[in-house]
Amino acid sequence: MRRSLVLLVALLATTSAAAAAAPVKVRLAPEVIVHGDEIVVADIADVTGNGALADRVRALRVGPAPVAGATLPVAADAVRARLSSIGVDPASVELGGPARVLVTRAHQMIRAAELIEAVRRETRARFEAAELRGEPSSLMPIARPEDLRLPTGDVRFDVRVHESSAGAATLAATVTVRVNGREHRQVVLTFQLVRMVNVIVVTRALEPRRTLSASDFRHERRAVGEVPADFMADISDPSDLEVLRPVQAGEVLTPRVIRQRIAIKRGDLVTLLLEGDGFRITTQGQANDDARRGDAVRVLNVSSKREVIGLVEGGGVVRVPYRKLGAQ
């Protein structure tokens, strides 16, 4: 009888301890990253347990999230106070983990170039019309905006172009930046209307004395104020040109960095050409100097052993000037 009583007391004690044991356990994390505007318990802790109470604890709002990219400490006591404020029995929830949680708001960067391009897209139609009139122009930002740090989500730009007087050299626009449909920032941009020109841009670094090839450059349209005054807009025969000094990729080509390459070297055999009214004479000659296309060069006529002066043309041809009999 005594033994049965002891067992009954032990059973009752075990049942009472089980009833006292917390059905929901909340284990705080030391550091977390959140994406929403609000911090809830499920963001900062591992909640174990089933039933309505566990679901209620998981969804419990702790406070507002920090701004995008910032970190905010959340104390365990603050979480405990929030549980008490909604009438949760402390005996029914076990709170554990560190004394505070470092909560960082996830973010994304929106570059200034994206804002500028959004305005250019909005105004593209009017500039395409100007190009049809032979007035190629573009928008150049007067002051470059700062990059934006925003919460994560789908980003959309709403652009409003401010009215300006006809022929004005400047333009202003307001860009409203929305994330998941919610407005986060408004940025006002001002632009200068600039004339665009076609230029030749080097595609790779070039060393001195390198002969140009078609793959060494490309054609681009740039603002006239951003290129040298003596920019080159076209090259007829790049194989006749060589580089004078080191040239960096992206540099605008000018006559100051290239020259005609040496087309004929001293001692080279060339074709002497003499043309006139109704006749054409060719013979072999030997160059007495180095010369570029268009230069005058002394050439020894191999047949007559006489030296003549001619102008260098392509393909190893030297044209001897022809003067009619009696011409001055």
C-alpha atoms as a PDB file:
ATOM      1  CA  MET A   1       0.000   0.000   0.000  1.00  0.00           C
ATOM      2  CA  ARG A   2       2.771   2.381   0.958  1.00  0.00           C
ATOM      3  CA  ARG A   3       4.611   1.548  -2.270  1.00  0.00           C
ATOM      4  CA  SER A   4       1.520   2.238  -4.363  1.00  0.00           C
ATOM      5  CA  LEU A   5       1.128   5.609  -2.699  1.00  0.00           C
ATOM      6  CA  VAL A   6       4.718   6.521  -3.499  1.00  0.00           C
ATOM      7  CA  LEU A   7       4.229   5.583  -7.155  1.00  0.00           C
ATOM      8  CA  LEU A   8       1.037   7.629  -7.343  1.00  0.00           C
ATOM      9  CA  VAL A   9       2.816  10.673  -5.897  1.00  0.00           C
ATOM     10  CA  ALA A  10       5.694  10.267  -8.390  1.00  0.00           C
ATOM     11  CA  LEU A  11       3.233   9.959 -11.268  1.00  0.00           C
ATOM     12  CA  LEU A  12       1.384  13.080 -10.187  1.00  0.00           C
ATOM     13  CA  ALA A  13       4.703  14.967  -9.872  1.00  0.00           C
ATOM     14  CA  THR A  14       5.750  13.898 -13.378  1.00  0.00           C
ATOM     15  CA  THR A  15       2.386  14.937 -14.807  1.00  0.00           C
ATOM     16  CA  SER A  16       2.602  18.271 -13.017  1.00  0.00           C
ATOM     17  CA  ALA A  17       6.151  18.874 -14.389  1.00  0.00           C
ATOM     18  CA  ALA A  18       5.012  18.002 -17.897  1.00  0.00           C
ATOM     19  CA  ALA A  19       2.120  20.412 -17.565  1.00  0.00           C
ATOM     20  CA  ALA A  20       4.536  23.084 -16.346  1.00  0.00           C
ATOM     21  CA  ALA A  21       6.941  22.480 -19.241  1.00  0.00           C
ATOM     22  CA  ALA A  22       6.638  25.149 -21.894  1.00  0.00           C
ATOM     23  CA  PRO A  23       4.729  23.883 -24.977  1.00  0.00           C
ATOM     24  CA  VAL A  24       6.414  26.587 -27.193  1.00  0.00           C
ATOM     25  CA  LYS A  25      10.172  27.208 -27.311  1.00  0.00           C
ATOM     26  CA  VAL A  26      11.663  30.366 -28.828  1.00  0.00           C
ATOM     27  CA  ARG A  27      15.390  30.206 -29.557  1.00  0.00           C
ATOM     28  CA  LEU A  28      16.810  33.627 -30.599  1.00  0.00           C
ATOM     29  CA  ALA A  29      19.525  33.786 -33.276  1.00  0.00           C
ATOM     30  CA  PRO A  30      22.655  35.926 -32.775  1.00  0.00           C
ATOM     31  CA  GLU A  31      22.403  37.594 -36.229  1.00  0.00           C
ATOM     32  CA  VAL A  32      19.723  37.627 -38.915  1.00  0.00           C
ATOM     33  CA  ILE A  33      18.936  39.351 -42.243  1.00  0.00           C
ATOM     34  CA  VAL A  34      15.365  40.500 -42.855  1.00  0.00           C
ATOM     35  CA  HIS A  35      13.705  41.632 -46.084  1.00  0.00           C
ATOM     36  CA  GLY A  36      10.388  43.109 -44.922  1.00  0.00           C
ATOM     37  CA  ASP A  37       9.458  46.416 -43.313  1.00  0.00           C
ATOM     38  CA  GLU A  38       8.552  44.750 -39.986  1.00  0.00           C
ATOM     39  CA  ILE A  39      10.446  42.367 -37.704  1.00  0.00           C
ATOM     40  CA  VAL A  40       8.424  39.378 -36.451  1.00  0.00           C
ATOM     41  CA  VAL A  41       9.531  36.684 -34.045  1.00  0.00           C
ATOM     42  CA  ALA A  42       9.858  34.128 -36.870  1.00  0.00           C
ATOM     43  CA  ASP A  43      12.501  36.430 -38.466  1.00  0.00           C
ATOM     44  CA  ILE A  44      14.806  36.412 -35.444  1.00  0.00           C
ATOM     45  CA  ALA A  45      14.148  33.088 -33.722  1.00  0.00           C
ATOM     46  CA  ASP A  46      13.551  29.397 -34.251  1.00  0.00           C
ATOM     47  CA  VAL A  47      10.078  28.679 -32.835  1.00  0.00           C
ATOM     48  CA  THR A  48       9.280  25.053 -32.017  1.00  0.00           C
ATOM     49  CA  GLY A  49       5.822  23.894 -31.053  1.00  0.00           C
ATOM     50  CA  ASN A  50       2.438  23.249 -32.605  1.00  0.00           C
ATOM     51  CA  GLY A  51      -0.952  24.778 -32.356  1.00  0.00           C
ATOM     52  CA  ALA A  52      -2.439  28.247 -32.312  1.00  0.00           C
ATOM     53  CA  LEU A  53      -0.069  29.572 -29.648  1.00  0.00           C
ATOM     54  CA  ALA A  54       3.054  28.669 -31.689  1.00  0.00           C
ATOM     55  CA  ASP A  55       1.573  30.293 -34.801  1.00  0.00           C
ATOM     56  CA  ARG A  56       0.669  33.383 -32.780  1.00  0.00           C
ATOM     57  CA  VAL A  57       4.220  33.663 -31.417  1.00  0.00           C
ATOM     58  CA  ARG A  58       5.792  33.264 -34.852  1.00  0.00           C
ATOM     59  CA  ALA A  59       3.685  36.080 -36.307  1.00  0.00           C
ATOM     60  CA  LEU A  60       4.179  38.423 -33.348  1.00  0.00           C
ATOM     61  CA  ARG A  61       5.499  41.838 -34.460  1.00  0.00           C
ATOM     62  CA  VAL A  62       8.625  42.880 -32.585  1.00  0.00           C
ATOM     63  CA  GLY A  63       9.167  46.281 -34.232  1.00  0.00           C
ATOM     64  CA  PRO A  64      10.010  48.091 -37.478  1.00  0.00           C
ATOM     65  CA  ALA A  65      12.945  46.836 -39.545  1.00  0.00           C
ATOM     66  CA  PRO A  66      15.982  49.100 -39.924  1.00  0.00           C
ATOM     67  CA  VAL A  67      16.531  51.058 -43.110  1.00  0.00           C
ATOM     68  CA  ALA A  68      17.998  49.157 -46.063  1.00  0.00           C
ATOM     69  CA  GLY A  69      21.583  48.083 -45.374  1.00  0.00           C
ATOM     70  CA  ALA A  70      21.500  49.131 -41.687  1.00  0.00           C
ATOM     71  CA  THR A  71      21.760  46.929 -38.565  1.00  0.00           C
ATOM     72  CA  LEU A  72      19.553  47.197 -35.450  1.00  0.00           C
ATOM     73  CA  PRO A  73      20.008  45.310 -32.135  1.00  0.00           C
ATOM     74  CA  VAL A  74      16.866  43.684 -30.706  1.00  0.00           C
ATOM     75  CA  ALA A  75      17.101  42.743 -27.015  1.00  0.00           C
ATOM     76  CA  ALA A  76      15.679  39.471 -25.690  1.00  0.00           C
ATOM     77  CA  ASP A  77      13.911  41.507 -22.987  1.00  0.00           C
ATOM     78  CA  ALA A  78      12.103  43.433 -25.729  1.00  0.00           C
ATOM     79  CA  VAL A  79      10.844  40.147 -27.178  1.00  0.00           C
ATOM     80  CA  ARG A  80       9.776  39.011 -23.703  1.00  0.00           C
ATOM     81  CA  ALA A  81       7.926  42.291 -23.186  1.00  0.00           C
ATOM     82  CA  ARG A  82       6.115  41.892 -26.495  1.00  0.00           C
ATOM     83  CA  LEU A  83       4.988  38.406 -25.487  1.00  0.00           C
ATOM     84  CA  SER A  84       3.632  39.776 -22.212  1.00  0.00           C
ATOM     85  CA  SER A  85       1.886  42.675 -23.987  1.00  0.00           C
ATOM     86  CA  ILE A  86      -0.375  40.279 -25.893  1.00  0.00           C
ATOM     87  CA  GLY A  87      -1.198  38.257 -22.789  1.00  0.00           C
ATOM     88  CA  VAL A  88       1.018  35.227 -23.381  1.00  0.00           C
ATOM     89  CA  ASP A  89       1.581  33.299 -20.150  1.00  0.00           C
ATOM     90  CA  PRO A  90       5.347  33.304 -19.491  1.00  0.00           C
ATOM     91  CA  ALA A  91       5.046  29.716 -18.293  1.00  0.00           C
ATOM     92  CA  SER A  92       3.762  28.638 -21.710  1.00  0.00           C
ATOM     93  CA  VAL A  93       6.665  30.063 -23.741  1.00  0.00           C
ATOM     94  CA  GLU A  94      10.344  29.320 -23.129  1.00  0.00           C
ATOM     95  CA  LEU A  95      12.627  32.070 -24.447  1.00  0.00           C
ATOM     96  CA  GLY A  96      16.302  31.224 -24.947  1.00  0.00           C
ATOM     97  CA  GLY A  97      19.363  32.233 -26.922  1.00  0.00           C
ATOM     98  CA  PRO A  98      21.584  35.340 -26.820  1.00  0.00           C
ATOM     99  CA  ALA A  99      20.683  38.499 -24.926  1.00  0.00           C
ATOM    100  CA  ARG A 100      20.272  40.397 -28.190  1.00  0.00           C
ATOM    101  CA  VAL A 101      19.845  39.787 -31.900  1.00  0.00           C
ATOM    102  CA  LEU A 102      21.610  41.881 -34.551  1.00  0.00           C
ATOM    103  CA  VAL A 103      19.024  42.478 -37.276  1.00  0.00           C
ATOM    104  CA  THR A 104      20.293  43.683 -40.697  1.00  0.00           C
ATOM    105  CA  ARG A 105      17.950  44.849 -43.444  1.00  0.00           C
ATOM    106  CA  ALA A 106      18.751  43.333 -46.846  1.00  0.00           C
ATOM    107  CA  HIS A 107      19.341  45.881 -49.600  1.00  0.00           C
ATOM    108  CA  GLN A 108      20.072  46.408 -53.283  1.00  0.00           C
ATOM    109  CA  MET A 109      22.019  49.198 -54.975  1.00  0.00           C
ATOM    110  CA  ILE A 110      20.517  51.287 -57.754  1.00  0.00           C
ATOM    111  CA  ARG A 111      23.329  52.958 -59.714  1.00  0.00           C
ATOM    112  CA  ALA A 112      23.124  56.562 -60.836  1.00  0.00           C
ATOM    113  CA  ALA A 113      23.532  55.400 -64.439  1.00  0.00           C
ATOM    114  CA  GLU A 114      20.193  53.534 -64.180  1.00  0.00           C
ATOM    115  CA  LEU A 115      18.372  56.727 -63.165  1.00  0.00           C
ATOM    116  CA  ILE A 116      20.005  58.669 -66.007  1.00  0.00           C
ATOM    117  CA  GLU A 117      19.114  55.971 -68.536  1.00  0.00           C
ATOM    118  CA  ALA A 118      15.494  55.952 -67.321  1.00  0.00           C
ATOM    119  CA  VAL A 119      15.179  59.648 -68.223  1.00  0.00           C
ATOM    120  CA  ARG A 120      16.894  59.084 -71.570  1.00  0.00           C
ATOM    121  CA  ARG A 121      14.428  56.297 -72.385  1.00  0.00           C
ATOM    122  CA  GLU A 122      11.512  58.561 -71.509  1.00  0.00           C
ATOM    123  CA  THR A 123      12.787  61.330 -73.797  1.00  0.00           C
ATOM    124  CA  ARG A 124      14.107  59.111 -76.599  1.00  0.00           C
ATOM    125  CA  ALA A 125      11.208  59.819 -78.949  1.00  0.00           C
ATOM    126  CA  ARG A 126      11.876  63.555 -79.097  1.00  0.00           C
ATOM    127  CA  PHE A 127      15.582  63.012 -79.795  1.00  0.00           C
ATOM    128  CA  GLU A 128      14.869  60.478 -82.519  1.00  0.00           C
ATOM    129  CA  ALA A 129      12.731  63.156 -84.176  1.00  0.00           C
ATOM    130  CA  ALA A 130      15.637  65.614 -83.894  1.00  0.00           C
ATOM    131  CA  GLU A 131      17.973  63.108 -85.547  1.00  0.00           C
ATOM    132  CA  LEU A 132      15.580  62.789 -88.470  1.00  0.00           C
ATOM    133  CA  ARG A 133      15.972  66.541 -88.880  1.00  0.00           C
ATOM    134  CA  GLY A 134      19.758  66.100 -88.930  1.00  0.00           C
ATOM    135  CA  GLU A 135      20.247  67.426 -85.390  1.00  0.00           C
ATOM    136  CA  PRO A 136      21.774  64.504 -83.434  1.00  0.00           C
ATOM    137  CA  SER A 137      21.792  65.348 -79.717  1.00  0.00           C
ATOM    138  CA  SER A 138      21.649  63.691 -76.315  1.00  0.00           C
ATOM    139  CA  LEU A 139      21.166  64.394 -72.611  1.00  0.00           C
ATOM    140  CA  MET A 140      24.219  64.837 -70.411  1.00  0.00           C
ATOM    141  CA  PRO A 141      23.635  65.090 -66.621  1.00  0.00           C
ATOM    142  CA  ILE A 142      24.709  68.439 -65.195  1.00  0.00           C
ATOM    143  CA  ALA A 143      25.193  66.910 -61.732  1.00  0.00           C
ATOM    144  CA  ARG A 144      25.512  63.156 -61.366  1.00  0.00           C
ATOM    145  CA  PRO A 145      23.059  61.752 -58.758  1.00  0.00           C
ATOM    146  CA  GLU A 146      24.155  59.469 -55.935  1.00  0.00           C
ATOM    147  CA  ASP A 147      23.702  55.711 -56.036  1.00  0.00           C
ATOM    148  CA  LEU A 148      20.616  54.593 -54.070  1.00  0.00           C
ATOM    149  CA  ARG A 149      20.503  51.950 -51.335  1.00  0.00           C
ATOM    150  CA  LEU A 150      17.033  50.382 -51.393  1.00  0.00           C
ATOM    151  CA  PRO A 151      15.220  47.410 -49.861  1.00  0.00           C
ATOM    152  CA  THR A 152      15.126  44.236 -51.921  1.00  0.00           C
ATOM    153  CA  GLY A 153      12.258  43.705 -54.340  1.00  0.00           C
ATOM    154  CA  ASP A 154      11.059  44.642 -57.816  1.00  0.00           C
ATOM    155  CA  VAL A 155      12.235  48.155 -58.745  1.00  0.00           C
ATOM    156  CA  ARG A 156      10.308  50.476 -61.063  1.00  0.00           C
ATOM    157  CA  PHE A 157      11.122  54.005 -62.222  1.00  0.00           C
ATOM    158  CA  ASP A 158       8.337  56.520 -62.892  1.00  0.00           C
ATOM    159  CA  VAL A 159       9.769  59.463 -64.852  1.00  0.00           C
ATOM    160  CA  ARG A 160       8.105  62.871 -65.100  1.00  0.00           C
ATOM    161  CA  VAL A 161       9.810  65.277 -67.515  1.00  0.00           C
ATOM    162  CA  HIS A 162       9.325  68.934 -66.560  1.00  0.00           C
ATOM    163  CA  GLU A 163       8.118  71.306 -69.228  1.00  0.00           C
ATOM    164  CA  SER A 164      10.764  73.583 -70.718  1.00  0.00           C
ATOM    165  CA  SER A 165      10.668  76.403 -73.231  1.00  0.00           C
ATOM    166  CA  ALA A 166      11.244  75.607 -76.892  1.00  0.00           C
ATOM    167  CA  GLY A 167      14.913  75.636 -77.789  1.00  0.00           C
ATOM    168  CA  ALA A 168      16.018  75.443 -74.129  1.00  0.00           C
ATOM    169  CA  ALA A 169      19.504  73.985 -73.626  1.00  0.00           C
ATOM    170  CA  THR A 170      18.571  72.242 -70.368  1.00  0.00           C
ATOM    171  CA  LEU A 171      15.967  69.732 -69.224  1.00  0.00           C
ATOM    172  CA  ALA A 172      14.799  68.581 -65.785  1.00  0.00           C
ATOM    173  CA  ALA A 173      13.019  65.383 -64.743  1.00  0.00           C
ATOM    174  CA  THR A 174      11.814  63.758 -61.523  1.00  0.00           C
ATOM    175  CA  VAL A 175      12.372  60.016 -61.107  1.00  0.00           C
ATOM    176  CA  THR A 176      10.132  58.291 -58.542  1.00  0.00           C
ATOM    177  CA  VAL A 177      11.726  55.018 -57.441  1.00  0.00           C
ATOM    178  CA  ARG A 178       9.310  52.311 -56.303  1.00  0.00           C
ATOM    179  CA  VAL A 179      10.079  48.929 -54.735  1.00  0.00           C
ATOM    180  CA  ASN A 180       7.289  46.355 -54.971  1.00  0.00           C
ATOM    181  CA  GLY A 181       4.952  49.188 -55.915  1.00  0.00           C
ATOM    182  CA  ARG A 182       5.769  51.323 -52.874  1.00  0.00           C
ATOM    183  CA  GLU A 183       7.443  54.719 -53.313  1.00  0.00           C
ATOM    184  CA  HIS A 184      10.858  54.925 -51.656  1.00  0.00           C
ATOM    185  CA  ARG A 185      12.723  57.835 -53.217  1.00  0.00           C
ATOM    186  CA  GLN A 186      12.271  60.805 -55.518  1.00  0.00           C
ATOM    187  CA  VAL A 187      15.301  62.098 -57.415  1.00  0.00           C
ATOM    188  CA  VAL A 188      15.378  65.301 -59.457  1.00  0.00           C
ATOM    189  CA  LEU A 189      17.837  65.247 -62.359  1.00  0.00           C
ATOM    190  CA  THR A 190      18.928  68.109 -64.598  1.00  0.00           C
ATOM    191  CA  PHE A 191      20.481  67.622 -68.016  1.00  0.00           C
ATOM    192  CA  GLN A 192      22.198  69.655 -70.657  1.00  0.00           C
ATOM    193  CA  LEU A 193      21.220  69.169 -74.276  1.00  0.00           C
ATOM    194  CA  VAL A 194      24.428  68.410 -76.175  1.00  0.00           C
ATOM    195  CA  ARG A 195      25.247  67.854 -79.826  1.00  0.00           C
ATOM    196  CA  MET A 196      26.489  64.373 -80.710  1.00  0.00           C
ATOM    197  CA  VAL A 197      29.227  63.557 -83.232  1.00  0.00           C
ATOM    198  CA  ASN A 198      30.541  60.348 -84.791  1.00  0.00           C
ATOM    199  CA  VAL A 199      34.076  59.504 -83.656  1.00  0.00           C
ATOM    200  CA  ILE A 200      36.575  56.665 -83.988  1.00  0.00           C
ATOM    201  CA  VAL A 201      37.387  54.925 -80.701  1.00  0.00           C
ATOM    202  CA  VAL A 202      40.305  52.540 -80.152  1.00  0.00           C
ATOM    203  CA  THR A 203      39.135  49.065 -79.077  1.00  0.00           C
ATOM    204  CA  ARG A 204      42.400  47.823 -77.525  1.00  0.00           C
ATOM    205  CA  ALA A 205      45.703  49.189 -76.216  1.00  0.00           C
ATOM    206  CA  LEU A 206      48.072  49.925 -79.114  1.00  0.00           C
ATOM    207  CA  GLU A 207      51.847  50.171 -79.031  1.00  0.00           C
ATOM    208  CA  PRO A 208      53.897  52.681 -81.066  1.00  0.00           C
ATOM    209  CA  ARG A 209      54.683  51.754 -84.699  1.00  0.00           C
ATOM    210  CA  ARG A 210      51.778  49.289 -84.835  1.00  0.00           C
ATOM    211  CA  THR A 211      49.976  49.260 -88.174  1.00  0.00           C
ATOM    212  CA  LEU A 212      46.241  49.742 -87.741  1.00  0.00           C
ATOM    213  CA  SER A 213      43.699  47.105 -88.699  1.00  0.00           C
ATOM    214  CA  ALA A 214      39.928  47.288 -88.900  1.00  0.00           C
ATOM    215  CA  SER A 215      39.575  45.419 -85.576  1.00  0.00           C
ATOM    216  CA  ASP A 216      41.619  48.091 -83.718  1.00  0.00           C
ATOM    217  CA  PHE A 217      38.837  50.681 -83.724  1.00  0.00           C
ATOM    218  CA  ARG A 218      35.083  51.187 -83.867  1.00  0.00           C
ATOM    219  CA  HIS A 219      32.702  54.051 -84.598  1.00  0.00           C
ATOM    220  CA  GLU A 220      30.796  55.629 -81.697  1.00  0.00           C
ATOM    221  CA  ARG A 221      28.563  58.625 -81.133  1.00  0.00           C
ATOM    222  CA  ARG A 222      29.752  60.916 -78.336  1.00  0.00           C
ATOM    223  CA  ALA A 223      28.961  64.355 -76.988  1.00  0.00           C
ATOM    224  CA  VAL A 224      30.976  67.020 -78.776  1.00  0.00           C
ATOM    225  CA  GLY A 225      32.215  68.434 -75.472  1.00  0.00           C
ATOM    226  CA  GLU A 226      33.704  65.069 -74.450  1.00  0.00           C
ATOM    227  CA  VAL A 227      35.992  64.536 -77.430  1.00  0.00           C
ATOM    228  CA  PRO A 228      39.113  66.355 -78.716  1.00  0.00           C
ATOM    229  CA  ALA A 229      38.502  69.164 -81.172  1.00  0.00           C
ATOM    230  CA  ASP A 230      40.504  67.324 -83.864  1.00  0.00           C
ATOM    231  CA  PHE A 231      38.669  63.990 -83.491  1.00  0.00           C
ATOM    232  CA  MET A 232      38.636  61.652 -86.476  1.00  0.00           C
ATOM    233  CA  ALA A 233      35.266  60.579 -87.850  1.00  0.00           C
ATOM    234  CA  ASP A 234      36.439  58.123 -90.507  1.00  0.00           C
ATOM    235  CA  ILE A 235      39.453  56.174 -91.784  1.00  0.00           C
ATOM    236  CA  SER A 236      39.607  55.214 -95.434  1.00  0.00           C
ATOM    237  CA  ASP A 237      42.513  52.735 -95.308  1.00  0.00           C
ATOM    238  CA  PRO A 238      43.736  51.766 -91.812  1.00  0.00           C
ATOM    239  CA  SER A 239      46.474  49.524 -93.205  1.00  0.00           C
ATOM    240  CA  ASP A 240      48.304  52.660 -94.359  1.00  0.00           C
ATOM    241  CA  LEU A 241      48.451  54.085 -90.817  1.00  0.00           C
ATOM    242  CA  GLU A 242      50.710  53.428 -87.844  1.00  0.00           C
ATOM    243  CA  VAL A 243      50.567  54.536 -84.192  1.00  0.00           C
ATOM    244  CA  LEU A 244      52.962  57.231 -82.985  1.00  0.00           C
ATOM    245  CA  ARG A 245      52.616  56.756 -79.221  1.00  0.00           C
ATOM    246  CA  PRO A 246      50.945  54.324 -76.791  1.00  0.00           C
ATOM    247  CA  VAL A 247      47.155  54.518 -77.150  1.00  0.00           C
ATOM    248  CA  GLN A 248      44.704  53.240 -74.522  1.00  0.00           C
ATOM    249  CA  ALA A 249      41.503  51.312 -75.213  1.00  0.00           C
ATOM    250  CA  GLY A 250      38.555  53.697 -75.415  1.00  0.00           C
ATOM    251  CA  GLU A 251      40.657  56.672 -76.538  1.00  0.00           C
ATOM    252  CA  VAL A 252      39.270  58.817 -79.355  1.00  0.00           C
ATOM    253  CA  LEU A 253      41.559  58.707 -82.363  1.00  0.00           C
ATOM    254  CA  THR A 254      43.085  61.981 -83.601  1.00  0.00           C
ATOM    255  CA  PRO A 255      45.655  62.836 -86.292  1.00  0.00           C
ATOM    256  CA  ARG A 256      48.126  63.541 -83.476  1.00  0.00           C
ATOM    257  CA  VAL A 257      48.496  59.873 -82.548  1.00  0.00           C
ATOM    258  CA  ILE A 258      48.756  58.304 -86.008  1.00  0.00           C
ATOM    259  CA  ARG A 259      50.631  58.880 -89.229  1.00  0.00           C
ATOM    260  CA  GLN A 260      51.082  57.270 -92.595  1.00  0.00           C
ATOM    261  CA  ARG A 261      53.246  54.186 -92.197  1.00  0.00           C
ATOM    262  CA  ILE A 262      56.424  53.783 -94.238  1.00  0.00           C
ATOM    263  CA  ALA A 263      55.209  52.318 -97.508  1.00  0.00           C
ATOM    264  CA  ILE A 264      58.596  52.078 -99.221  1.00  0.00           C
ATOM    265  CA  LYS A 265      61.964  51.510 -97.562  1.00  0.00           C
ATOM    266  CA  ARG A 266      65.329  52.475 -98.942  1.00  0.00           C
ATOM    267  CA  GLY A 267      66.570  49.760-101.302  1.00  0.00           C
ATOM    268  CA  ASP A 268      63.075  48.407-102.044  1.00  0.00           C
ATOM    269  CA  LEU A 269      62.304  47.602-105.680  1.00  0.00           C
ATOM    270  CA  VAL A 270      59.321  49.641-106.855  1.00  0.00           C
ATOM    271  CA  THR A 271      57.303  50.190-110.019  1.00  0.00           C
ATOM    272  CA  LEU A 272      57.927  53.523-111.690  1.00  0.00           C
ATOM    273  CA  LEU A 273      54.820  54.789-113.443  1.00  0.00           C
ATOM    274  CA  LEU A 274      54.638  57.569-116.018  1.00  0.00           C
ATOM    275  CA  GLU A 275      51.272  58.390-117.548  1.00  0.00           C
ATOM    276  CA  GLY A 276      50.254  61.065-120.015  1.00  0.00           C
ATOM    277  CA  ASP A 277      47.892  61.787-122.857  1.00  0.00           C
ATOM    278  CA  GLY A 278      47.307  58.418-124.457  1.00  0.00           C
ATOM    279  CA  PHE A 279      50.311  56.575-123.033  1.00  0.00           C
ATOM    280  CA  ARG A 280      51.365  54.645-119.927  1.00  0.00           C
ATOM    281  CA  ILE A 281      54.945  53.559-119.205  1.00  0.00           C
ATOM    282  CA  THR A 282      56.072  51.336-116.327  1.00  0.00           C
ATOM    283  CA  THR A 283      59.556  50.205-115.402  1.00  0.00           C
ATOM    284  CA  GLN A 284      61.422  48.962-112.374  1.00  0.00           C
ATOM    285  CA  GLY A 285      63.176  51.279-109.958  1.00  0.00           C
ATOM    286  CA  GLN A 286      65.012  51.150-106.624  1.00  0.00           C
ATOM    287  CA  ALA A 287      64.047  53.523-103.805  1.00  0.00           C
ATOM    288  CA  ASN A 288      66.850  55.710-102.470  1.00  0.00           C
ATOM    289  CA  ASP A 289      64.889  56.816 -99.350  1.00  0.00           C
ATOM    290  CA  ASP A 290      62.244  55.665 -96.925  1.00  0.00           C
ATOM    291  CA  ALA A 291      58.886  57.200 -97.820  1.00  0.00           C
ATOM    292  CA  ARG A 292      55.207  57.156 -96.851  1.00  0.00           C
ATOM    293  CA  ARG A 293      52.180  57.258 -99.125  1.00  0.00           C
ATOM    294  CA  GLY A 294      51.979  60.698-100.720  1.00  0.00           C
ATOM    295  CA  ASP A 295      55.651  61.537-100.030  1.00  0.00           C
ATOM    296  CA  ALA A 296      58.103  62.488-102.763  1.00  0.00           C
ATOM    297  CA  VAL A 297      60.894  59.932-103.055  1.00  0.00           C
ATOM    298  CA  ARG A 298      64.100  59.594-105.105  1.00  0.00           C
ATOM    299  CA  VAL A 299      64.124  56.444-107.220  1.00  0.00           C
ATOM    300  CA  LEU A 300      66.890  55.018-109.398  1.00  0.00           C
ATOM    301  CA  ASN A 301      65.590  53.826-112.751  1.00  0.00           C
ATOM    302  CA  VAL A 302      67.114  50.344-113.008  1.00  0.00           C
ATOM    303  CA  SER A 303      67.126  50.420-116.828  1.00  0.00           C
ATOM    304  CA  SER A 304      68.499  53.921-117.475  1.00  0.00           C
ATOM    305  CA  LYS A 305      70.474  54.281-114.235  1.00  0.00           C
ATOM    306  CA  ARG A 306      68.996  57.758-113.913  1.00  0.00           C
ATOM    307  CA  GLU A 307      67.471  59.082-110.701  1.00  0.00           C
ATOM    308  CA  VAL A 308      63.938  60.441-110.848  1.00  0.00           C
ATOM    309  CA  ILE A 309      61.580  61.863-108.240  1.00  0.00           C
ATOM    310  CA  GLY A 310      58.068  60.527-107.889  1.00  0.00           C
ATOM    311  CA  LEU A 311      55.141  60.383-105.462  1.00  0.00           C
ATOM    312  CA  VAL A 312      54.517  57.190-103.493  1.00  0.00           C
ATOM    313  CA  GLU A 313      51.233  55.406-104.159  1.00  0.00           C
ATOM    314  CA  GLY A 314      49.948  52.144-102.717  1.00  0.00           C
ATOM    315  CA  GLY A 315      51.216  48.728-103.742  1.00  0.00           C
ATOM    316  CA  GLY A 316      54.845  49.749-104.272  1.00  0.00           C
ATOM    317  CA  VAL A 317      54.050  52.182-107.081  1.00  0.00           C
ATOM    318  CA  VAL A 318      55.870  55.505-107.514  1.00  0.00           C
ATOM    319  CA  ARG A 319      54.198  57.901-109.955  1.00  0.00           C
ATOM    320  CA  VAL A 320      56.569  60.185-111.873  1.00  0.00           C
ATOM    321  CA  PRO A 321      54.957  63.573-112.646  1.00  0.00           C
ATOM    322  CA  TYR A 322      54.365  64.122-116.356  1.00  0.00           C
ATOM    323  CA  ARG A 323      54.765  67.562-117.920  1.00  0.00           C
ATOM    324  CA  LYS A 324      53.732  68.273-121.459  1.00  0.00           C
ATOM    325  CA  LEU A 325      56.426  69.504-123.796  1.00  0.00           C
ATOM    326  CA  GLY A 326      56.724  73.272-123.465  1.00  0.00           C
ATOM    327  CA  ALA A 327      54.878  73.401-120.133  1.00  0.00           C
ATOM    328  CA  GLN A 328      56.363  75.696-117.511  1.00  0.00           C
END
